[in-house]
Amino acid sequence: MSKKIQHKTKKTSSPLYQGNPRQLPIFDRNSKSIVKEKPYPRLAQFMWRQPLGSAVTELLLKHPQASWLTGLWCNCRYSRMHIARFVKQNSIRVQECEKSPDQFTSFNDFFTRKLKPHARPINKNPQALISPADCRMLAYPIGNNTVVPIKGKTIRVEKLLQAHKAAQPFHEGLCIVCRLAVSDYHRFCYVDDCRHGEIQKINGFYRAVHPLSLKNMKDVFCENRRQLTLLHTKYFGLVAHVDVGALLVGKIKQHFLQGTQAHKGQEKGFFEFGASTIILLLQPNRVHIDTDITQNTQRGIETRVLYGERIGTAIA
């Protein structure tokens, strides 16, 4: 990414943390227009933005036991009662699912649903970097091993990866933040043909990852429970794929914990109930991120992208 883009990104005042406290502007690639993300429930707003709610989250909800209990309920058959309402509230396209809503055995069975073949076509251009998931995306330059998504907040690459040696290849590279809302398809894939070794599990808490909550939270991405996969890719060099758990996320399921040889678009794993985030770290001079994503990031606006969709092109 050029110095000009880095300069603009640092000076931008992000509307992610301004305006209506219950809504976010999202750039929709299909309509090429700004849409408003549906407001989160008042209870979520209370936990994110009110001192008492933040205190409850810090004392109780951030701990793994709360997510374990939520997962226990979401996996029982009685939780199926929530499916119809969830579908309606979040305008989920059930026609894309392999199973009909009445065939799911629990809410989590629905939440981790598989889609029909071709519901998420994979961009086959070998030079294309694809999105790992349905998500809202931002792309930031990494300077001095630090990402500054908003004023006063930082993501230190060394702390995120919990290793100085692992962070070194990404100095002056690129950080892509992929936020999955609860309404999104929660399976994720490999962004390129690659190989990787054992996945590193990093213990931590389960704080909310929604942008409206981050302003009042601590160093969420570097303190939440997460899983690190170092991908040795065919066209983009070394890529760090970090799956970050969030408030009330039951589990992060990986298909190949001990490593594998994978192809672009192959399913890597999935998140159980809750909003989540995937962070991709790329080495410098490896990829041109698509213009709409870089321009929207400079404006502080997330871009809505889909699993398997192109988000950038390899630098020859």
Protein backbone atom coordinates (compact mmCIF):
# COMPACT_ATOMS: atom_id res chain seq x y z
CA MET A 1 0.00 0.00 0.00
CA SER A 2 1.36 3.39 -0.92
CA LYS A 3 2.49 6.08 1.51
CA LYS A 4 -0.34 8.28 0.25
CA ILE A 5 -2.94 5.72 1.32
CA GLN A 6 -1.22 5.22 4.67
CA HIS A 7 -1.25 8.97 5.27
CA LYS A 8 -4.96 9.26 4.47
CA THR A 9 -5.88 6.29 6.64
CA LYS A 10 -4.19 7.76 9.70
CA LYS A 11 -5.93 11.12 9.34
CA THR A 12 -9.45 9.86 8.70
CA SER A 13 -12.06 10.39 11.41
CA SER A 14 -14.12 7.22 11.40
CA PRO A 15 -17.93 7.42 11.23
CA LEU A 16 -17.94 3.91 12.68
CA TYR A 17 -17.87 5.61 16.06
CA GLN A 18 -19.98 8.67 15.32
CA GLY A 19 -23.58 9.50 14.44
CA ASN A 20 -26.41 7.12 15.34
CA PRO A 21 -25.09 5.03 18.25
CA ARG A 22 -27.19 2.03 17.21
CA GLN A 23 -26.40 1.82 13.50
CA LEU A 24 -23.37 1.53 11.22
CA PRO A 25 -22.87 2.63 7.60
CA ILE A 26 -21.91 -0.31 5.37
CA PHE A 27 -20.95 -0.16 1.68
CA ASP A 28 -22.90 -2.80 -0.21
CA ARG A 29 -21.02 -4.05 -3.27
CA ASN A 30 -24.14 -5.33 -5.04
CA SER A 31 -26.05 -2.05 -4.97
CA LYS A 32 -22.87 0.07 -4.83
CA SER A 33 -24.49 2.18 -2.13
CA ILE A 34 -24.28 2.86 1.59
CA VAL A 35 -26.75 0.92 3.69
CA LYS A 36 -27.37 0.97 7.43
CA GLU A 37 -26.69 -2.17 9.41
CA LYS A 38 -29.72 -3.19 11.41
CA PRO A 39 -29.62 -1.92 15.01
CA TYR A 40 -28.52 -4.37 17.64
CA PRO A 41 -30.89 -5.11 20.56
CA ARG A 42 -31.04 -2.64 23.42
CA LEU A 43 -29.48 -5.22 25.73
CA ALA A 44 -26.38 -5.33 23.51
CA GLN A 45 -26.24 -1.53 23.45
CA PHE A 46 -26.48 -1.53 27.23
CA MET A 47 -23.55 -3.97 27.56
CA TRP A 48 -21.39 -2.10 25.04
CA ARG A 49 -21.99 1.54 25.87
CA GLN A 50 -23.24 1.92 29.45
CA PRO A 51 -20.84 1.81 32.44
CA LEU A 52 -23.00 -0.71 34.29
CA GLY A 53 -23.30 -2.92 31.22
CA SER A 54 -19.54 -2.78 30.63
CA ALA A 55 -18.97 -3.74 34.26
CA VAL A 56 -21.27 -6.77 33.92
CA THR A 57 -19.42 -7.83 30.77
CA GLU A 58 -16.03 -7.47 32.47
CA LEU A 59 -17.07 -9.28 35.64
CA LEU A 60 -19.11 -12.10 34.11
CA LEU A 61 -19.74 -12.32 30.37
CA LYS A 62 -16.19 -12.07 29.03
CA HIS A 63 -15.20 -15.33 30.71
CA PRO A 64 -15.28 -18.67 28.84
CA GLN A 65 -17.88 -20.11 31.23
CA ALA A 66 -20.55 -17.68 29.95
CA SER A 67 -19.87 -18.69 26.34
CA TRP A 68 -19.89 -22.37 27.37
CA LEU A 69 -23.35 -22.00 28.96
CA THR A 70 -24.67 -20.16 25.90
CA GLY A 71 -23.30 -22.91 23.65
CA LEU A 72 -24.93 -25.55 25.86
CA TRP A 73 -28.35 -23.95 25.33
CA CYS A 74 -27.82 -23.33 21.61
CA ASN A 75 -26.94 -27.01 21.09
CA CYS A 76 -30.04 -28.41 22.80
CA ARG A 77 -33.14 -29.28 20.77
CA TYR A 78 -35.35 -26.78 22.60
CA SER A 79 -33.29 -23.93 21.16
CA ARG A 80 -34.92 -24.61 17.77
CA MET A 81 -37.72 -22.28 18.89
CA HIS A 82 -35.43 -19.30 18.16
CA ILE A 83 -34.74 -20.18 14.50
CA ALA A 84 -37.86 -18.72 12.86
CA ARG A 85 -37.56 -15.40 14.71
CA PHE A 86 -33.83 -15.17 13.99
CA VAL A 87 -34.44 -15.76 10.27
CA LYS A 88 -37.09 -13.04 10.16
CA GLN A 89 -35.14 -10.48 12.21
CA ASN A 90 -31.98 -10.89 10.13
CA SER A 91 -33.53 -11.40 6.68
CA ILE A 92 -31.61 -14.64 6.19
CA ARG A 93 -31.95 -16.24 2.75
CA VAL A 94 -33.04 -19.73 3.82
CA GLN A 95 -33.33 -20.78 0.16
CA GLU A 96 -29.50 -20.85 0.10
CA CYS A 97 -29.32 -23.45 2.90
CA GLU A 98 -28.78 -27.16 2.26
CA LYS A 99 -31.58 -27.91 4.75
CA SER A 100 -34.93 -26.24 5.36
CA PRO A 101 -35.43 -24.46 8.73
CA ASP A 102 -37.55 -27.31 10.15
CA GLN A 103 -34.76 -29.85 9.53
CA PHE A 104 -32.23 -28.30 11.93
CA THR A 105 -31.80 -30.11 15.25
CA SER A 106 -30.83 -27.04 17.32
CA PHE A 107 -30.21 -23.32 16.98
CA ASN A 108 -26.47 -23.93 16.65
CA ASP A 109 -27.14 -26.49 13.93
CA PHE A 110 -28.87 -23.68 12.03
CA PHE A 111 -26.28 -21.04 12.95
CA THR A 112 -23.45 -23.19 11.52
CA ARG A 113 -25.59 -24.11 8.49
CA LYS A 114 -24.05 -25.23 5.23
CA LEU A 115 -25.14 -23.61 2.00
CA LYS A 116 -26.05 -25.22 -1.28
CA PRO A 117 -23.26 -25.75 -3.82
CA HIS A 118 -22.57 -22.57 -5.81
CA ALA A 119 -24.36 -20.32 -3.25
CA ARG A 120 -20.91 -18.82 -2.64
CA PRO A 121 -18.96 -19.07 -5.92
CA ILE A 122 -15.19 -18.93 -5.53
CA ASN A 123 -13.26 -16.50 -7.73
CA LYS A 124 -11.04 -18.88 -9.72
CA ASN A 125 -8.57 -16.28 -10.99
CA PRO A 126 -5.28 -17.57 -9.53
CA GLN A 127 -4.09 -13.97 -8.97
CA ALA A 128 -7.20 -13.04 -6.94
CA LEU A 129 -7.12 -12.82 -3.16
CA ILE A 130 -10.54 -13.91 -1.89
CA SER A 131 -12.52 -13.09 1.22
CA PRO A 132 -12.37 -15.85 3.85
CA ALA A 133 -16.01 -15.30 4.86
CA ASP A 134 -19.20 -13.31 4.52
CA CYS A 135 -18.17 -10.21 6.43
CA ARG A 136 -17.81 -6.45 6.74
CA MET A 137 -14.23 -5.63 5.74
CA LEU A 138 -11.62 -2.95 6.51
CA ALA A 139 -7.98 -2.88 5.33
CA TYR A 140 -5.26 -1.01 7.22
CA PRO A 141 -1.51 -0.54 6.70
CA ILE A 142 0.81 -1.97 9.34
CA GLY A 143 3.33 0.62 10.53
CA ASN A 144 6.00 -0.19 13.12
CA ASN A 145 4.18 -3.49 13.70
CA THR A 146 1.08 -1.55 14.75
CA VAL A 147 -2.37 -1.03 13.22
CA VAL A 148 -4.35 2.07 14.21
CA PRO A 149 -8.01 1.43 13.27
CA ILE A 150 -9.32 4.36 15.37
CA LYS A 151 -7.76 7.23 17.26
CA GLY A 152 -6.41 6.08 20.60
CA LYS A 153 -6.74 2.36 19.77
CA THR A 154 -4.07 0.08 18.37
CA ILE A 155 -3.56 -3.52 17.32
CA ARG A 156 0.03 -4.56 17.97
CA VAL A 157 0.96 -7.40 15.64
CA GLU A 158 3.40 -8.94 18.14
CA LYS A 159 0.69 -9.08 20.79
CA LEU A 160 -1.94 -10.34 18.36
CA LEU A 161 0.32 -13.23 17.28
CA GLN A 162 1.98 -13.57 20.71
CA ALA A 163 5.40 -13.82 19.10
CA HIS A 164 7.98 -11.27 17.95
CA LYS A 165 9.42 -13.69 15.37
CA ALA A 166 6.00 -14.43 13.86
CA ALA A 167 5.25 -10.69 13.58
CA GLN A 168 8.43 -9.69 11.73
CA PRO A 169 7.39 -10.76 8.18
CA PHE A 170 4.33 -8.47 8.35
CA HIS A 171 6.18 -5.24 9.20
CA GLU A 172 4.91 -2.51 6.81
CA GLY A 173 2.43 -5.00 5.39
CA LEU A 174 -1.36 -5.04 5.45
CA CYS A 175 -4.00 -5.91 8.05
CA ILE A 176 -7.48 -6.94 6.86
CA VAL A 177 -10.22 -7.02 9.49
CA CYS A 178 -13.20 -9.22 8.57
CA ARG A 179 -16.13 -8.73 10.95
CA LEU A 180 -18.84 -11.39 10.91
CA ALA A 181 -22.22 -10.22 12.23
CA VAL A 182 -24.58 -12.74 13.84
CA SER A 183 -26.67 -12.71 10.64
CA ASP A 184 -23.74 -13.83 8.47
CA TYR A 185 -22.84 -17.26 7.17
CA HIS A 186 -20.32 -18.38 9.80
CA ARG A 187 -18.13 -20.76 7.84
CA PHE A 188 -14.76 -19.57 6.54
CA CYS A 189 -12.28 -20.68 3.89
CA TYR A 190 -8.66 -20.58 2.75
CA VAL A 191 -7.83 -17.40 0.80
CA ASP A 192 -5.35 -19.08 -1.58
CA ASP A 193 -3.77 -22.44 -2.34
CA CYS A 194 -1.52 -23.05 0.66
CA ARG A 195 -0.01 -25.32 3.25
CA HIS A 196 0.14 -24.84 6.98
CA GLY A 197 1.30 -26.59 10.11
CA GLU A 198 -0.33 -26.95 13.51
CA ILE A 199 -2.83 -24.25 14.47
CA GLN A 200 -1.86 -22.26 17.55
CA LYS A 201 -4.59 -21.71 20.14
CA ILE A 202 -4.23 -18.52 22.17
CA ASN A 203 -6.25 -18.29 25.38
CA GLY A 204 -8.11 -15.14 26.33
CA PHE A 205 -11.50 -13.60 27.00
CA TYR A 206 -14.70 -13.26 24.96
CA ARG A 207 -15.40 -9.54 24.64
CA ALA A 208 -17.70 -8.05 22.00
CA VAL A 209 -16.04 -7.28 18.63
CA HIS A 210 -18.75 -5.00 17.19
CA PRO A 211 -17.23 -1.60 16.22
CA LEU A 212 -19.69 0.27 18.43
CA SER A 213 -18.34 -1.63 21.42
CA LEU A 214 -14.62 -1.26 20.66
CA LYS A 215 -14.49 2.44 21.53
CA ASN A 216 -15.20 1.64 25.18
CA MET A 217 -13.41 -1.70 25.38
CA LYS A 218 -9.82 -2.71 26.05
CA ASP A 219 -7.43 -4.23 23.51
CA VAL A 220 -10.12 -6.67 22.33
CA PHE A 221 -8.46 -8.40 19.35
CA CYS A 222 -5.23 -8.99 21.26
CA GLU A 223 -6.96 -10.16 24.46
CA ASN A 224 -9.79 -12.32 23.12
CA ARG A 225 -9.41 -16.06 22.67
CA ARG A 226 -8.16 -16.75 19.14
CA GLN A 227 -6.52 -19.27 16.84
CA LEU A 228 -3.53 -18.52 14.59
CA THR A 229 -2.77 -20.25 11.31
CA LEU A 230 0.34 -19.27 9.35
CA LEU A 231 -0.47 -19.97 5.70
CA HIS A 232 2.32 -20.50 3.17
CA THR A 233 0.35 -19.40 0.11
CA LYS A 234 1.05 -19.81 -3.60
CA TYR A 235 0.57 -16.19 -4.70
CA PHE A 236 0.67 -14.03 -1.55
CA GLY A 237 3.63 -15.30 0.45
CA LEU A 238 3.16 -15.83 4.17
CA VAL A 239 -0.33 -14.96 5.43
CA ALA A 240 -1.40 -14.94 9.09
CA HIS A 241 -5.02 -16.06 9.42
CA VAL A 242 -6.32 -15.23 12.92
CA ASP A 243 -9.77 -16.43 13.99
CA VAL A 244 -10.97 -14.32 16.92
CA GLY A 245 -13.70 -15.46 19.28
CA ALA A 246 -16.17 -12.90 20.60
CA LEU A 247 -18.82 -12.39 23.26
CA LEU A 248 -20.87 -15.61 23.66
CA VAL A 249 -19.11 -17.43 20.80
CA GLY A 250 -19.26 -21.07 21.87
CA LYS A 251 -16.37 -22.51 19.88
CA ILE A 252 -14.11 -22.04 16.88
CA LYS A 253 -14.07 -25.28 14.91
CA GLN A 254 -11.08 -26.02 12.65
CA HIS A 255 -11.06 -28.90 10.17
CA PHE A 256 -7.27 -29.36 10.12
CA LEU A 257 -5.75 -28.58 13.52
CA GLN A 258 -2.48 -30.38 12.78
CA GLY A 259 -1.96 -28.81 9.35
CA THR A 260 -2.77 -29.63 5.76
CA GLN A 261 -2.29 -28.80 2.08
CA ALA A 262 -5.37 -26.78 1.06
CA HIS A 263 -6.78 -25.11 -2.01
CA LYS A 264 -8.35 -21.68 -2.43
CA GLY A 265 -11.99 -21.59 -1.32
CA GLN A 266 -11.77 -24.86 0.62
CA GLU A 267 -13.65 -24.63 3.91
CA LYS A 268 -11.22 -24.08 6.78
CA GLY A 269 -13.66 -24.09 9.70
CA PHE A 270 -16.60 -22.32 11.32
CA PHE A 271 -17.71 -20.30 14.34
CA GLU A 272 -20.51 -21.47 16.62
CA PHE A 273 -23.07 -18.96 17.92
CA GLY A 274 -22.08 -15.29 18.15
CA ALA A 275 -20.48 -12.52 16.14
CA SER A 276 -16.81 -13.10 15.35
CA THR A 277 -13.81 -11.65 13.51
CA ILE A 278 -11.10 -12.94 11.19
CA ILE A 279 -7.89 -10.92 10.87
CA LEU A 280 -5.59 -11.46 7.90
CA LEU A 281 -2.01 -10.17 7.97
CA LEU A 282 -0.15 -9.95 4.65
CA GLN A 283 3.46 -9.16 3.87
CA PRO A 284 4.33 -5.88 2.12
CA ASN A 285 4.16 -5.62 -1.68
CA ARG A 286 2.14 -8.79 -2.11
CA VAL A 287 -1.36 -7.57 -2.97
CA HIS A 288 -3.35 -4.64 -4.33
CA ILE A 289 -6.54 -4.47 -2.29
CA ASP A 290 -9.61 -3.59 -4.35
CA THR A 291 -10.21 0.14 -4.62
CA ASP A 292 -13.65 0.15 -3.02
CA ILE A 293 -12.29 -1.50 0.13
CA THR A 294 -9.32 0.87 0.48
CA GLN A 295 -11.40 3.97 -0.24
CA ASN A 296 -14.16 2.93 2.16
CA THR A 297 -11.60 2.18 4.87
CA GLN A 298 -10.17 5.68 4.46
CA ARG A 299 -13.70 6.99 5.07
CA GLY A 300 -14.14 4.69 8.07
CA ILE A 301 -16.80 2.60 6.33
CA GLU A 302 -16.86 -1.19 6.20
CA THR A 303 -17.39 -2.97 2.87
CA ARG A 304 -19.77 -5.93 2.75
CA VAL A 305 -18.12 -8.87 0.95
CA LEU A 306 -18.97 -12.55 0.55
CA TYR A 307 -17.12 -15.82 1.09
CA GLY A 308 -14.96 -16.53 -1.97
CA GLU A 309 -15.35 -13.07 -3.50
CA ARG A 310 -12.29 -11.21 -4.82
CA ILE A 311 -10.93 -8.55 -2.45
CA GLY A 312 -7.54 -7.95 -4.07
CA THR A 313 -5.03 -8.93 -6.76
CA ALA A 314 -1.52 -10.33 -6.40
CA ILE A 315 1.36 -7.99 -7.21
CA ALA A 316 3.44 -9.57 -9.97
